[in-house]
Amino acid sequence: MLKSTDMIEIFKQKSTLAILLTSLVISTFIGIIISLTILNTDSKASGTNKLGSNLILATGGTARLSEWDQKIEGQNWEEIQPLTLNEATKLKWEKEPECVPNVGYYSKKSDNSKSIEPYSLIFDNNEKVIGIYMVSEKEQQPPWQKMQTTGPFRNPHWGIHIFFTPPPTSCQ
């Protein structure tokens, strides 16, 4: 039979365990709330482009096995693109004067060569890059579309719009 002192001892052990578990749960909850609050209130992220600090266009190159099972790689290409019109202007990009509804402002790189880049950065009214327009003279599979004059591209071509943010308010 249990004595009253044994019962008191069992009660003390259970209350200590309950206090420890409650403290652990509360501490974990507070830690999660604090970390979520800190991660979601980054002042830089809310004031600038929320997608990140870099836009990089890159090709993956080609990889194939040779006759002797040696790996042969093609050329890789990558280029960091500007995220604002100010940065783009420094890199010789020119924004088209007219805003295209549901798209934005197309742009082109203005260098002295006769070749035009096979893409156009698309800006919104806040002069931030909201997308990119890719161009090909060769026929492409859907979702690419056969286009006539589009932005700085005056000849028929195949094109695809890729938006990072919704474009409908880009001209407002």
N, C-alpha and C. Protein backbone atom coordinates (compact mmCIF):
# COMPACT_ATOMS: atom_id res chain seq x y z
N MET A 1 0.82 -1.17 0.00
CA MET A 1 0.00 0.00 0.00
C MET A 1 0.88 1.25 0.00
N LEU A 2 0.42 2.28 -0.72
CA LEU A 2 1.20 3.52 -0.82
C LEU A 2 1.00 4.38 0.41
N LYS A 3 2.10 4.90 0.87
CA LYS A 3 2.04 5.82 2.00
C LYS A 3 1.83 7.22 1.46
N SER A 4 1.42 8.11 2.28
CA SER A 4 1.19 9.49 1.86
C SER A 4 2.48 10.16 1.42
N THR A 5 3.61 9.80 2.01
CA THR A 5 4.89 10.39 1.58
C THR A 5 5.26 9.91 0.19
N ASP A 6 4.94 8.65 -0.14
CA ASP A 6 5.20 8.14 -1.49
C ASP A 6 4.34 8.88 -2.52
N MET A 7 3.10 9.13 -2.19
CA MET A 7 2.19 9.85 -3.09
C MET A 7 2.69 11.27 -3.34
N ILE A 8 3.16 11.92 -2.30
CA ILE A 8 3.68 13.29 -2.44
C ILE A 8 4.90 13.29 -3.35
N GLU A 9 5.78 12.29 -3.21
CA GLU A 9 6.98 12.19 -4.04
C GLU A 9 6.62 11.98 -5.51
N ILE A 10 5.66 11.10 -5.79
CA ILE A 10 5.20 10.86 -7.17
C ILE A 10 4.60 12.14 -7.75
N PHE A 11 3.81 12.83 -6.98
CA PHE A 11 3.19 14.08 -7.42
C PHE A 11 4.24 15.12 -7.75
N LYS A 12 5.28 15.24 -6.93
CA LYS A 12 6.35 16.20 -7.18
C LYS A 12 7.07 15.88 -8.49
N GLN A 13 7.36 14.61 -8.74
CA GLN A 13 8.05 14.21 -9.96
C GLN A 13 7.20 14.50 -11.20
N LYS A 14 5.92 14.22 -11.14
CA LYS A 14 5.04 14.47 -12.28
C LYS A 14 4.88 15.96 -12.54
N SER A 15 4.78 16.77 -11.51
CA SER A 15 4.63 18.20 -11.73
C SER A 15 5.90 18.80 -12.31
N THR A 16 7.07 18.29 -11.91
CA THR A 16 8.34 18.77 -12.48
C THR A 16 8.40 18.41 -13.96
N LEU A 17 8.01 17.20 -14.31
CA LEU A 17 8.00 16.77 -15.70
C LEU A 17 7.01 17.61 -16.52
N ALA A 18 5.86 17.88 -15.96
CA ALA A 18 4.85 18.69 -16.65
C ALA A 18 5.37 20.11 -16.87
N ILE A 19 6.03 20.66 -15.88
CA ILE A 19 6.60 22.02 -16.01
C ILE A 19 7.67 22.04 -17.09
N LEU A 20 8.53 21.03 -17.12
CA LEU A 20 9.58 20.96 -18.15
C LEU A 20 8.98 20.86 -19.55
N LEU A 21 8.00 19.99 -19.72
CA LEU A 21 7.36 19.84 -21.03
C LEU A 21 6.65 21.12 -21.46
N THR A 22 5.95 21.76 -20.55
CA THR A 22 5.26 23.01 -20.85
C THR A 22 6.26 24.09 -21.24
N SER A 23 7.36 24.18 -20.51
CA SER A 23 8.40 25.17 -20.83
C SER A 23 9.00 24.91 -22.21
N LEU A 24 9.23 23.65 -22.54
CA LEU A 24 9.79 23.30 -23.84
C LEU A 24 8.84 23.70 -24.97
N VAL A 25 7.56 23.40 -24.81
CA VAL A 25 6.57 23.75 -25.83
C VAL A 25 6.47 25.26 -26.00
N ILE A 26 6.40 25.99 -24.91
CA ILE A 26 6.30 27.45 -24.97
C ILE A 26 7.55 28.06 -25.59
N SER A 27 8.72 27.58 -25.22
CA SER A 27 9.98 28.10 -25.78
C SER A 27 10.06 27.84 -27.28
N THR A 28 9.66 26.65 -27.70
CA THR A 28 9.67 26.33 -29.14
C THR A 28 8.71 27.24 -29.89
N PHE A 29 7.53 27.44 -29.36
CA PHE A 29 6.54 28.31 -29.98
C PHE A 29 7.06 29.74 -30.10
N ILE A 30 7.64 30.28 -29.04
CA ILE A 30 8.20 31.64 -29.07
C ILE A 30 9.33 31.73 -30.09
N GLY A 31 10.19 30.72 -30.14
CA GLY A 31 11.29 30.71 -31.11
C GLY A 31 10.79 30.73 -32.54
N ILE A 32 9.76 29.95 -32.83
CA ILE A 32 9.19 29.92 -34.18
C ILE A 32 8.59 31.28 -34.53
N ILE A 33 7.84 31.87 -33.63
CA ILE A 33 7.22 33.18 -33.88
C ILE A 33 8.29 34.24 -34.14
N ILE A 34 9.32 34.27 -33.33
CA ILE A 34 10.39 35.27 -33.50
C ILE A 34 11.11 35.06 -34.83
N SER A 35 11.45 33.83 -35.16
CA SER A 35 12.18 33.60 -36.42
C SER A 35 11.32 33.95 -37.62
N LEU A 36 10.03 33.63 -37.60
CA LEU A 36 9.16 34.00 -38.72
C LEU A 36 9.00 35.51 -38.83
N THR A 37 8.93 36.18 -37.71
CA THR A 37 8.81 37.64 -37.73
C THR A 37 10.06 38.28 -38.30
N ILE A 38 11.22 37.82 -37.90
CA ILE A 38 12.47 38.39 -38.40
C ILE A 38 12.63 38.10 -39.88
N LEU A 39 12.33 36.89 -40.33
CA LEU A 39 12.50 36.53 -41.73
C LEU A 39 11.53 37.26 -42.65
N ASN A 40 10.35 37.61 -42.18
CA ASN A 40 9.34 38.23 -43.04
C ASN A 40 9.35 39.75 -43.01
N THR A 41 10.13 40.37 -42.17
CA THR A 41 10.11 41.83 -42.10
C THR A 41 11.43 42.44 -42.54
N ASP A 42 12.11 41.80 -43.46
CA ASP A 42 13.35 42.35 -44.00
C ASP A 42 13.02 43.63 -44.77
N SER A 43 13.48 44.77 -44.28
CA SER A 43 13.14 46.05 -44.90
C SER A 43 13.68 46.17 -46.31
N LYS A 44 14.81 45.56 -46.61
CA LYS A 44 15.36 45.62 -47.96
C LYS A 44 14.46 44.89 -48.95
N ALA A 45 13.93 43.74 -48.56
CA ALA A 45 13.09 42.95 -49.47
C ALA A 45 11.81 43.68 -49.82
N SER A 46 11.23 44.41 -48.86
CA SER A 46 9.98 45.09 -49.16
C SER A 46 10.19 46.34 -49.98
N GLY A 47 11.37 46.93 -49.95
CA GLY A 47 11.62 48.16 -50.69
C GLY A 47 12.21 47.95 -52.07
N THR A 48 12.68 46.76 -52.37
CA THR A 48 13.29 46.51 -53.68
C THR A 48 12.60 45.35 -54.36
N ASN A 49 13.20 44.91 -55.41
CA ASN A 49 12.66 43.78 -56.16
C ASN A 49 12.59 42.56 -55.25
N LYS A 50 11.42 41.98 -55.07
CA LYS A 50 11.23 40.88 -54.14
C LYS A 50 11.72 39.55 -54.69
N LEU A 51 12.12 39.52 -55.95
CA LEU A 51 12.53 38.27 -56.55
C LEU A 51 13.96 37.89 -56.22
N GLY A 52 14.76 38.81 -55.86
CA GLY A 52 16.15 38.53 -55.58
C GLY A 52 17.02 39.68 -56.03
N SER A 53 18.31 39.53 -55.89
CA SER A 53 19.21 40.62 -56.23
C SER A 53 19.93 40.40 -57.55
N ASN A 54 19.73 39.26 -58.21
CA ASN A 54 20.40 38.99 -59.48
C ASN A 54 19.44 38.36 -60.47
N LEU A 55 19.63 38.72 -61.73
CA LEU A 55 18.96 38.07 -62.84
C LEU A 55 20.07 37.61 -63.78
N ILE A 56 20.18 36.31 -63.96
CA ILE A 56 21.26 35.78 -64.79
C ILE A 56 20.65 34.96 -65.91
N LEU A 57 21.03 35.29 -67.14
CA LEU A 57 20.66 34.46 -68.29
C LEU A 57 21.83 33.53 -68.54
N ALA A 58 21.52 32.27 -68.78
CA ALA A 58 22.60 31.30 -68.99
C ALA A 58 22.16 30.21 -69.95
N THR A 59 23.13 29.69 -70.67
CA THR A 59 22.88 28.49 -71.46
C THR A 59 23.53 27.34 -70.72
N GLY A 60 22.98 26.18 -70.88
CA GLY A 60 23.54 25.01 -70.20
C GLY A 60 24.65 24.35 -70.99
N GLY A 61 24.89 24.84 -72.19
CA GLY A 61 25.90 24.20 -73.01
C GLY A 61 25.41 22.84 -73.47
N THR A 62 26.28 22.05 -74.01
CA THR A 62 25.91 20.70 -74.45
C THR A 62 26.87 19.71 -73.83
N ALA A 63 26.39 18.54 -73.60
CA ALA A 63 27.26 17.48 -73.08
C ALA A 63 26.93 16.20 -73.83
N ARG A 64 27.94 15.52 -74.31
CA ARG A 64 27.74 14.25 -75.00
C ARG A 64 28.95 13.38 -74.74
N LEU A 65 28.79 12.11 -74.99
CA LEU A 65 29.91 11.18 -74.83
C LEU A 65 30.55 10.95 -76.20
N SER A 66 31.85 10.94 -76.20
CA SER A 66 32.57 10.69 -77.45
C SER A 66 32.59 9.20 -77.74
N GLU A 67 33.20 8.86 -78.82
CA GLU A 67 33.32 7.47 -79.24
C GLU A 67 34.02 6.62 -78.18
N TRP A 68 34.86 7.22 -77.36
CA TRP A 68 35.60 6.50 -76.31
C TRP A 68 35.03 6.79 -74.92
N ASP A 69 33.77 7.21 -74.87
CA ASP A 69 33.06 7.51 -73.62
C ASP A 69 33.71 8.63 -72.81
N GLN A 70 34.33 9.56 -73.48
CA GLN A 70 34.85 10.74 -72.80
C GLN A 70 33.80 11.83 -72.90
N LYS A 71 33.63 12.57 -71.81
CA LYS A 71 32.63 13.63 -71.81
C LYS A 71 33.16 14.84 -72.57
N ILE A 72 32.35 15.35 -73.50
CA ILE A 72 32.71 16.54 -74.26
C ILE A 72 31.64 17.59 -73.97
N GLU A 73 32.05 18.77 -73.58
CA GLU A 73 31.10 19.81 -73.25
C GLU A 73 31.19 20.95 -74.24
N GLY A 74 30.01 21.52 -74.56
CA GLY A 74 29.95 22.71 -75.41
C GLY A 74 30.19 23.95 -74.58
N GLN A 75 30.13 25.08 -75.23
CA GLN A 75 30.38 26.33 -74.51
C GLN A 75 29.19 26.69 -73.63
N ASN A 76 29.49 27.13 -72.44
CA ASN A 76 28.48 27.67 -71.55
C ASN A 76 28.55 29.18 -71.63
N TRP A 77 27.41 29.83 -71.49
CA TRP A 77 27.36 31.28 -71.53
C TRP A 77 26.45 31.75 -70.42
N GLU A 78 26.86 32.77 -69.70
CA GLU A 78 25.96 33.39 -68.73
C GLU A 78 26.27 34.86 -68.64
N GLU A 79 25.21 35.63 -68.38
CA GLU A 79 25.35 37.08 -68.32
C GLU A 79 24.40 37.63 -67.26
N ILE A 80 24.93 38.43 -66.37
CA ILE A 80 24.11 39.06 -65.34
C ILE A 80 23.36 40.22 -65.99
N GLN A 81 22.05 40.27 -65.75
CA GLN A 81 21.20 41.30 -66.33
C GLN A 81 20.83 42.32 -65.26
N PRO A 82 20.57 43.56 -65.67
CA PRO A 82 20.15 44.58 -64.71
C PRO A 82 18.73 44.33 -64.22
N LEU A 83 18.41 44.86 -63.05
CA LEU A 83 17.06 44.73 -62.49
C LEU A 83 16.28 46.04 -62.51
N THR A 84 16.98 47.16 -62.77
CA THR A 84 16.32 48.45 -62.84
C THR A 84 16.73 49.17 -64.12
N LEU A 85 15.94 50.17 -64.51
CA LEU A 85 16.26 50.93 -65.71
C LEU A 85 17.57 51.70 -65.52
N ASN A 86 17.82 52.19 -64.33
CA ASN A 86 19.06 52.90 -64.05
C ASN A 86 20.27 52.00 -64.31
N GLU A 87 20.24 50.77 -63.80
CA GLU A 87 21.33 49.81 -64.05
C GLU A 87 21.41 49.48 -65.53
N ALA A 88 20.25 49.31 -66.17
CA ALA A 88 20.21 48.94 -67.59
C ALA A 88 20.81 50.03 -68.47
N THR A 89 20.51 51.28 -68.16
CA THR A 89 21.04 52.40 -68.94
C THR A 89 22.56 52.42 -68.90
N LYS A 90 23.13 52.11 -67.75
CA LYS A 90 24.59 52.06 -67.63
C LYS A 90 25.20 50.96 -68.50
N LEU A 91 24.40 49.93 -68.79
CA LEU A 91 24.86 48.81 -69.62
C LEU A 91 24.39 48.94 -71.07
N LYS A 92 24.01 50.16 -71.46
CA LYS A 92 23.60 50.51 -72.84
C LYS A 92 22.28 49.90 -73.27
N TRP A 93 21.35 49.70 -72.34
CA TRP A 93 20.00 49.28 -72.69
C TRP A 93 19.15 50.52 -72.86
N GLU A 94 18.24 50.51 -73.83
CA GLU A 94 17.32 51.63 -74.06
C GLU A 94 15.89 51.12 -73.94
N LYS A 95 15.09 51.82 -73.15
CA LYS A 95 13.69 51.45 -72.99
C LYS A 95 12.89 52.03 -74.15
N GLU A 96 11.99 51.23 -74.73
CA GLU A 96 11.10 51.71 -75.79
C GLU A 96 10.20 52.80 -75.21
N PRO A 97 9.84 53.83 -76.01
CA PRO A 97 9.06 54.95 -75.46
C PRO A 97 7.62 54.61 -75.10
N GLU A 98 7.02 53.62 -75.77
CA GLU A 98 5.62 53.32 -75.52
C GLU A 98 5.45 52.07 -74.66
N CYS A 99 4.53 52.17 -73.72
CA CYS A 99 4.20 51.03 -72.87
C CYS A 99 3.13 50.19 -73.58
N VAL A 100 3.36 48.92 -73.69
CA VAL A 100 2.41 48.00 -74.33
C VAL A 100 1.48 47.45 -73.24
N PRO A 101 0.16 47.68 -73.37
CA PRO A 101 -0.77 47.19 -72.35
C PRO A 101 -0.61 45.69 -72.11
N ASN A 102 -0.72 45.30 -70.87
CA ASN A 102 -0.59 43.91 -70.42
C ASN A 102 0.79 43.32 -70.64
N VAL A 103 1.76 44.15 -70.99
CA VAL A 103 3.15 43.70 -71.14
C VAL A 103 4.06 44.62 -70.36
N GLY A 104 4.24 45.85 -70.82
CA GLY A 104 5.15 46.81 -70.20
C GLY A 104 5.99 47.47 -71.27
N TYR A 105 7.16 47.95 -70.88
CA TYR A 105 8.07 48.62 -71.80
C TYR A 105 9.15 47.63 -72.25
N TYR A 106 9.22 47.39 -73.56
CA TYR A 106 10.31 46.58 -74.10
C TYR A 106 11.58 47.41 -74.08
N SER A 107 12.71 46.76 -74.23
CA SER A 107 13.99 47.47 -74.30
C SER A 107 14.91 46.75 -75.27
N LYS A 108 15.98 47.42 -75.64
CA LYS A 108 16.99 46.79 -76.49
C LYS A 108 18.35 47.30 -76.07
N LYS A 109 19.35 46.51 -76.31
CA LYS A 109 20.73 46.90 -76.01
C LYS A 109 21.24 47.70 -77.19
N SER A 110 21.75 48.89 -76.92
CA SER A 110 22.18 49.79 -77.99
C SER A 110 23.69 49.80 -78.10
N ASP A 111 24.23 48.82 -78.80
CA ASP A 111 25.66 48.85 -79.05
C ASP A 111 25.86 49.11 -80.54
N ASN A 112 27.08 49.22 -80.96
CA ASN A 112 27.37 49.59 -82.34
C ASN A 112 27.26 48.43 -83.32
N SER A 113 27.12 47.22 -82.85
CA SER A 113 27.03 46.09 -83.77
C SER A 113 25.64 46.04 -84.39
N LYS A 114 25.53 45.41 -85.54
CA LYS A 114 24.25 45.33 -86.24
C LYS A 114 23.35 44.26 -85.64
N SER A 115 23.92 43.34 -84.89
CA SER A 115 23.09 42.27 -84.31
C SER A 115 22.38 42.77 -83.06
N ILE A 116 21.15 42.34 -82.91
CA ILE A 116 20.35 42.70 -81.74
C ILE A 116 20.34 41.48 -80.82
N GLU A 117 20.38 41.72 -79.52
CA GLU A 117 20.30 40.62 -78.55
C GLU A 117 19.03 39.82 -78.82
N PRO A 118 19.04 38.51 -78.63
CA PRO A 118 17.85 37.71 -78.89
C PRO A 118 16.84 37.74 -77.73
N TYR A 119 16.86 38.80 -76.98
CA TYR A 119 15.92 38.97 -75.88
C TYR A 119 15.78 40.46 -75.59
N SER A 120 14.70 40.79 -74.92
CA SER A 120 14.43 42.16 -74.52
C SER A 120 14.02 42.15 -73.06
N LEU A 121 14.60 43.03 -72.27
CA LEU A 121 14.15 43.18 -70.88
C LEU A 121 12.84 43.94 -70.92
N ILE A 122 11.90 43.59 -70.05
CA ILE A 122 10.61 44.26 -69.99
C ILE A 122 10.53 45.00 -68.66
N PHE A 123 10.23 46.31 -68.73
CA PHE A 123 10.16 47.16 -67.54
C PHE A 123 8.73 47.57 -67.25
N ASP A 124 8.46 47.90 -65.98
CA ASP A 124 7.16 48.46 -65.60
C ASP A 124 7.30 49.97 -65.44
N ASN A 125 6.23 50.64 -64.99
CA ASN A 125 6.27 52.09 -64.79
C ASN A 125 7.22 52.51 -63.68
N ASN A 126 7.56 51.60 -62.78
CA ASN A 126 8.49 51.91 -61.70
C ASN A 126 9.94 51.67 -62.11
N GLU A 127 10.15 51.43 -63.41
CA GLU A 127 11.48 51.23 -63.99
C GLU A 127 12.20 50.01 -63.41
N LYS A 128 11.42 48.98 -63.08
CA LYS A 128 11.99 47.71 -62.61
C LYS A 128 11.73 46.65 -63.67
N VAL A 129 12.66 45.71 -63.79
CA VAL A 129 12.48 44.60 -64.72
C VAL A 129 11.37 43.69 -64.18
N ILE A 130 10.35 43.45 -65.02
CA ILE A 130 9.26 42.56 -64.62
C ILE A 130 9.23 41.29 -65.46
N GLY A 131 10.06 41.25 -66.50
CA GLY A 131 10.07 40.07 -67.34
C GLY A 131 11.10 40.17 -68.45
N ILE A 132 11.07 39.18 -69.31
CA ILE A 132 12.01 39.13 -70.43
C ILE A 132 11.25 38.57 -71.63
N TYR A 133 11.57 39.08 -72.82
CA TYR A 133 10.97 38.60 -74.05
C TYR A 133 12.06 37.92 -74.85
N MET A 134 11.91 36.62 -75.09
CA MET A 134 12.91 35.84 -75.83
C MET A 134 12.49 35.76 -77.29
N VAL A 135 13.48 35.79 -78.20
CA VAL A 135 13.23 35.83 -79.64
C VAL A 135 14.05 34.77 -80.35
N SER A 136 13.45 34.18 -81.39
CA SER A 136 14.17 33.25 -82.25
C SER A 136 13.71 33.44 -83.68
N GLU A 137 14.65 33.42 -84.62
CA GLU A 137 14.28 33.49 -86.03
C GLU A 137 13.83 32.12 -86.53
N LYS A 138 14.20 31.06 -85.83
CA LYS A 138 13.82 29.70 -86.21
C LYS A 138 12.52 29.32 -85.51
N GLU A 139 11.73 28.50 -86.17
CA GLU A 139 10.46 28.06 -85.60
C GLU A 139 10.69 27.32 -84.28
N GLN A 140 9.84 27.64 -83.29
CA GLN A 140 9.93 27.03 -81.97
C GLN A 140 8.62 26.34 -81.62
N GLN A 141 8.67 25.45 -80.66
CA GLN A 141 7.49 24.72 -80.20
C GLN A 141 6.70 25.59 -79.22
N PRO A 142 5.37 25.32 -79.05
CA PRO A 142 4.60 26.05 -78.05
C PRO A 142 5.24 25.87 -76.68
N PRO A 143 5.22 26.86 -75.85
CA PRO A 143 4.35 28.04 -75.86
C PRO A 143 4.88 29.22 -76.68
N TRP A 144 5.98 29.06 -77.43
CA TRP A 144 6.44 30.13 -78.30
C TRP A 144 5.35 30.41 -79.33
N GLN A 145 5.29 31.68 -79.79
CA GLN A 145 4.28 32.07 -80.77
C GLN A 145 4.94 32.78 -81.94
N LYS A 146 4.35 32.61 -83.13
CA LYS A 146 4.80 33.35 -84.31
C LYS A 146 4.35 34.79 -84.13
N MET A 147 5.28 35.74 -84.20
CA MET A 147 4.99 37.15 -83.95
C MET A 147 5.39 37.99 -85.15
N GLN A 148 4.76 39.13 -85.28
CA GLN A 148 5.17 40.10 -86.30
C GLN A 148 6.08 41.11 -85.60
N THR A 149 5.79 42.38 -85.69
CA THR A 149 6.58 43.39 -85.00
C THR A 149 6.25 43.37 -83.51
N THR A 150 7.26 43.20 -82.68
CA THR A 150 7.08 43.20 -81.23
C THR A 150 8.24 43.95 -80.61
N GLY A 151 7.94 45.06 -79.92
CA GLY A 151 9.00 45.83 -79.28
C GLY A 151 10.08 46.22 -80.27
N PRO A 152 11.34 45.99 -79.93
CA PRO A 152 12.43 46.39 -80.82
C PRO A 152 12.65 45.42 -81.98
N PHE A 153 11.88 44.36 -82.04
CA PHE A 153 12.05 43.35 -83.09
C PHE A 153 11.07 43.63 -84.21
N ARG A 154 11.56 44.18 -85.32
CA ARG A 154 10.71 44.68 -86.40
C ARG A 154 10.37 43.63 -87.45
N ASN A 155 11.02 42.50 -87.45
CA ASN A 155 10.77 41.46 -88.44
C ASN A 155 9.98 40.31 -87.83
N PRO A 156 9.28 39.53 -88.65
CA PRO A 156 8.58 38.35 -88.11
C PRO A 156 9.57 37.41 -87.41
N HIS A 157 9.12 36.83 -86.32
CA HIS A 157 9.99 35.98 -85.51
C HIS A 157 9.12 35.10 -84.60
N TRP A 158 9.76 34.23 -83.87
CA TRP A 158 9.11 33.44 -82.83
C TRP A 158 9.47 34.08 -81.50
N GLY A 159 8.48 34.28 -80.63
CA GLY A 159 8.75 34.94 -79.36
C GLY A 159 8.00 34.31 -78.20
N ILE A 160 8.54 34.55 -77.01
CA ILE A 160 7.88 34.10 -75.78
C ILE A 160 8.12 35.14 -74.69
N HIS A 161 7.04 35.51 -74.00
CA HIS A 161 7.13 36.43 -72.86
C HIS A 161 7.29 35.60 -71.59
N ILE A 162 8.24 35.98 -70.75
CA ILE A 162 8.44 35.33 -69.46
C ILE A 162 8.38 36.43 -68.41
N PHE A 163 7.34 36.39 -67.57
CA PHE A 163 7.16 37.43 -66.57
C PHE A 163 7.54 36.92 -65.19
N PHE A 164 8.20 37.80 -64.42
CA PHE A 164 8.59 37.48 -63.04
C PHE A 164 7.54 38.00 -62.07
N THR A 165 6.83 39.04 -62.48
CA THR A 165 5.74 39.61 -61.70
C THR A 165 4.57 39.84 -62.65
N PRO A 166 3.35 39.94 -62.16
CA PRO A 166 2.20 40.13 -63.05
C PRO A 166 2.30 41.44 -63.84
N PRO A 167 2.10 41.40 -65.17
CA PRO A 167 2.26 42.58 -66.00
C PRO A 167 1.05 43.50 -66.14
N PRO A 168 -0.19 43.12 -65.77
CA PRO A 168 -1.33 43.97 -66.12
C PRO A 168 -1.25 45.42 -65.64
N THR A 169 -0.57 45.70 -64.57
CA THR A 169 -0.50 47.08 -64.08
C THR A 169 0.79 47.78 -64.51
N SER A 170 1.53 47.19 -65.43
CA SER A 170 2.83 47.74 -65.80
C SER A 170 2.74 49.10 -66.48
N CYS A 171 1.60 49.45 -67.09
CA CYS A 171 1.46 50.73 -67.78
C CYS A 171 0.72 51.77 -66.94
N GLN A 172 0.33 51.43 -65.74
CA GLN A 172 -0.46 52.38 -64.92
C GLN A 172 0.42 53.15 -63.97
